[in-house]
Amino acid sequence: MAELGPGPHRSGDIAACYPAKVTSLAPTRSSLISKGMIWSPNHGDTAYTVPMFDEFMKRIMPSGEWRHG
């Protein structure tokens, strides 16, 4: 999601970054919402709860390291 920018982003756009369907990512999305890391400003949209969190994620996990584990 960080690669898409600050958001909000459609769930389908986020899922397109992974080899997965939107429905299979729903439990992860729900978990991140319950932890307060993301929220849903509108149905089907997802955004970070902290401004510039996308930039933070890019700094701590550069070059797509998150894709490998």
N, C-alpha and C. Protein backbone atom coordinates (compact mmCIF):
# COMPACT_ATOMS: atom_id res chain seq x y z
N MET A 1 0.83 -1.18 0.00
CA MET A 1 0.00 0.00 0.00
C MET A 1 0.87 1.25 0.00
N ALA A 2 2.03 1.19 0.64
CA ALA A 2 2.92 2.35 0.68
C ALA A 2 3.37 2.76 -0.71
N GLU A 3 3.54 1.78 -1.59
CA GLU A 3 3.96 2.09 -2.95
C GLU A 3 2.91 2.88 -3.72
N LEU A 4 1.67 2.79 -3.29
CA LEU A 4 0.58 3.51 -3.95
C LEU A 4 0.48 4.96 -3.49
N GLY A 5 1.18 5.30 -2.40
CA GLY A 5 1.13 6.67 -1.91
C GLY A 5 0.25 6.80 -0.68
N PRO A 6 -0.03 8.04 -0.28
CA PRO A 6 -0.72 8.28 0.98
C PRO A 6 -2.18 7.81 1.03
N GLY A 7 -2.83 7.70 -0.09
CA GLY A 7 -4.21 7.19 -0.10
C GLY A 7 -5.23 8.26 0.17
N PRO A 8 -6.47 7.86 0.30
CA PRO A 8 -6.98 6.50 0.39
C PRO A 8 -6.92 5.78 -0.96
N HIS A 9 -6.91 4.45 -0.87
CA HIS A 9 -6.84 3.60 -2.05
C HIS A 9 -7.98 2.60 -2.05
N ARG A 10 -8.43 2.23 -3.23
CA ARG A 10 -9.46 1.21 -3.37
C ARG A 10 -8.86 -0.15 -3.02
N SER A 11 -9.65 -0.99 -2.39
CA SER A 11 -9.17 -2.32 -2.00
C SER A 11 -8.68 -3.11 -3.20
N GLY A 12 -9.33 -2.97 -4.33
CA GLY A 12 -8.91 -3.66 -5.55
C GLY A 12 -7.54 -3.21 -6.04
N ASP A 13 -7.24 -1.92 -5.89
CA ASP A 13 -5.93 -1.41 -6.28
C ASP A 13 -4.83 -1.95 -5.38
N ILE A 14 -5.13 -2.09 -4.10
CA ILE A 14 -4.16 -2.66 -3.16
C ILE A 14 -3.94 -4.13 -3.47
N ALA A 15 -5.01 -4.86 -3.70
CA ALA A 15 -4.91 -6.29 -4.01
C ALA A 15 -4.13 -6.52 -5.30
N ALA A 16 -4.21 -5.60 -6.24
CA ALA A 16 -3.49 -5.75 -7.50
C ALA A 16 -1.97 -5.75 -7.30
N CYS A 17 -1.50 -5.25 -6.16
CA CYS A 17 -0.07 -5.26 -5.85
C CYS A 17 0.41 -6.64 -5.40
N TYR A 18 -0.53 -7.53 -5.12
CA TYR A 18 -0.22 -8.87 -4.62
C TYR A 18 -0.83 -9.91 -5.57
N PRO A 19 -0.29 -11.11 -5.56
CA PRO A 19 -0.93 -12.16 -6.36
C PRO A 19 -2.09 -12.78 -5.57
N ALA A 20 -3.07 -11.95 -5.22
CA ALA A 20 -4.18 -12.41 -4.39
C ALA A 20 -5.46 -11.67 -4.76
N LYS A 21 -6.58 -12.25 -4.36
CA LYS A 21 -7.88 -11.62 -4.57
C LYS A 21 -8.18 -10.70 -3.39
N VAL A 22 -9.05 -9.73 -3.63
CA VAL A 22 -9.45 -8.79 -2.58
C VAL A 22 -9.99 -9.55 -1.37
N THR A 23 -10.79 -10.57 -1.61
CA THR A 23 -11.41 -11.31 -0.50
C THR A 23 -10.38 -12.02 0.36
N SER A 24 -9.28 -12.46 -0.22
CA SER A 24 -8.27 -13.16 0.58
C SER A 24 -7.45 -12.20 1.44
N LEU A 25 -7.46 -10.92 1.08
CA LEU A 25 -6.74 -9.92 1.87
C LEU A 25 -7.61 -9.28 2.95
N ALA A 26 -8.90 -9.58 2.94
CA ALA A 26 -9.83 -8.97 3.90
C ALA A 26 -9.44 -9.23 5.37
N PRO A 27 -9.02 -10.44 5.75
CA PRO A 27 -8.62 -10.64 7.15
C PRO A 27 -7.41 -9.79 7.56
N THR A 28 -6.46 -9.63 6.66
CA THR A 28 -5.29 -8.79 6.95
C THR A 28 -5.73 -7.34 7.10
N ARG A 29 -6.60 -6.88 6.21
CA ARG A 29 -7.11 -5.51 6.28
C ARG A 29 -7.85 -5.29 7.59
N SER A 30 -8.68 -6.23 7.97
CA SER A 30 -9.43 -6.14 9.23
C SER A 30 -8.49 -6.08 10.43
N SER A 31 -7.45 -6.89 10.40
CA SER A 31 -6.48 -6.90 11.49
C SER A 31 -5.76 -5.55 11.60
N LEU A 32 -5.37 -4.99 10.47
CA LEU A 32 -4.68 -3.69 10.49
C LEU A 32 -5.61 -2.57 10.94
N ILE A 33 -6.90 -2.68 10.61
CA ILE A 33 -7.88 -1.69 11.09
C ILE A 33 -8.01 -1.81 12.61
N SER A 34 -8.11 -3.04 13.12
CA SER A 34 -8.26 -3.21 14.57
C SER A 34 -7.02 -2.77 15.34
N LYS A 35 -5.85 -2.81 14.70
CA LYS A 35 -4.62 -2.34 15.34
C LYS A 35 -4.45 -0.83 15.23
N GLY A 36 -5.32 -0.19 14.46
CA GLY A 36 -5.27 1.27 14.32
C GLY A 36 -4.26 1.77 13.31
N MET A 37 -3.76 0.89 12.45
CA MET A 37 -2.76 1.30 11.46
C MET A 37 -3.39 1.88 10.20
N ILE A 38 -4.57 1.38 9.86
CA ILE A 38 -5.30 1.87 8.69
C ILE A 38 -6.76 2.07 9.08
N TRP A 39 -7.51 2.73 8.21
CA TRP A 39 -8.94 2.90 8.42
C TRP A 39 -9.63 2.95 7.07
N SER A 40 -10.93 2.90 7.11
CA SER A 40 -11.72 2.91 5.89
C SER A 40 -12.57 4.17 5.87
N PRO A 41 -12.11 5.22 5.15
CA PRO A 41 -12.88 6.46 5.11
C PRO A 41 -14.20 6.32 4.36
N ASN A 42 -14.28 5.38 3.43
CA ASN A 42 -15.49 5.08 2.66
C ASN A 42 -15.49 3.59 2.37
N HIS A 43 -16.64 3.05 2.05
CA HIS A 43 -16.74 1.63 1.73
C HIS A 43 -15.77 1.26 0.60
N GLY A 44 -14.89 0.28 0.86
CA GLY A 44 -13.95 -0.18 -0.16
C GLY A 44 -12.67 0.62 -0.24
N ASP A 45 -12.56 1.67 0.55
CA ASP A 45 -11.34 2.48 0.57
C ASP A 45 -10.51 2.16 1.80
N THR A 46 -9.20 2.32 1.67
CA THR A 46 -8.29 2.10 2.79
C THR A 46 -7.27 3.23 2.81
N ALA A 47 -6.99 3.74 4.00
CA ALA A 47 -6.01 4.81 4.16
C ALA A 47 -5.25 4.59 5.46
N TYR A 48 -4.03 5.09 5.52
CA TYR A 48 -3.27 5.05 6.75
C TYR A 48 -3.89 6.01 7.77
N THR A 49 -3.76 5.69 9.04
CA THR A 49 -4.27 6.57 10.10
C THR A 49 -3.28 7.68 10.44
N VAL A 50 -2.02 7.51 10.06
CA VAL A 50 -0.97 8.48 10.39
C VAL A 50 -0.49 9.15 9.10
N PRO A 51 -0.49 10.46 9.04
CA PRO A 51 0.02 11.15 7.86
C PRO A 51 1.46 10.75 7.56
N MET A 52 1.77 10.59 6.30
CA MET A 52 3.10 10.26 5.81
C MET A 52 3.59 8.87 6.23
N PHE A 53 2.68 7.98 6.67
CA PHE A 53 3.08 6.63 7.05
C PHE A 53 3.59 5.85 5.84
N ASP A 54 3.08 6.17 4.66
CA ASP A 54 3.58 5.52 3.45
C ASP A 54 5.06 5.80 3.25
N GLU A 55 5.49 7.03 3.50
CA GLU A 55 6.91 7.38 3.38
C GLU A 55 7.75 6.66 4.43
N PHE A 56 7.23 6.55 5.63
CA PHE A 56 7.92 5.81 6.69
C PHE A 56 8.13 4.35 6.28
N MET A 57 7.10 3.72 5.76
CA MET A 57 7.21 2.32 5.35
C MET A 57 8.25 2.15 4.24
N LYS A 58 8.30 3.08 3.32
CA LYS A 58 9.28 3.00 2.24
C LYS A 58 10.71 3.14 2.78
N ARG A 59 10.88 3.97 3.83
CA ARG A 59 12.22 4.14 4.41
C ARG A 59 12.68 2.91 5.17
N ILE A 60 11.78 2.29 5.94
CA ILE A 60 12.22 1.17 6.77
C ILE A 60 12.27 -0.15 6.00
N MET A 61 11.58 -0.22 4.87
CA MET A 61 11.60 -1.44 4.04
C MET A 61 11.84 -1.07 2.59
N PRO A 62 13.04 -0.58 2.28
CA PRO A 62 13.32 -0.13 0.92
C PRO A 62 13.39 -1.29 -0.08
N SER A 63 13.28 -0.95 -1.31
CA SER A 63 13.47 -1.89 -2.43
C SER A 63 12.55 -3.09 -2.41
N GLY A 64 11.38 -2.96 -1.84
CA GLY A 64 10.42 -4.06 -1.86
C GLY A 64 10.80 -5.25 -1.02
N GLU A 65 11.64 -5.05 0.01
CA GLU A 65 12.03 -6.16 0.89
C GLU A 65 10.83 -6.87 1.47
N TRP A 66 9.73 -6.16 1.68
CA TRP A 66 8.52 -6.73 2.27
C TRP A 66 7.92 -7.82 1.38
N ARG A 67 8.22 -7.78 0.09
CA ARG A 67 7.66 -8.78 -0.81
C ARG A 67 8.24 -10.17 -0.59
N HIS A 68 9.38 -10.26 0.05
CA HIS A 68 10.08 -11.54 0.18
C HIS A 68 9.98 -12.16 1.56
N GLY A 69 9.21 -11.63 2.42
CA GLY A 69 9.12 -12.28 3.70
C GLY A 69 8.68 -11.38 4.76
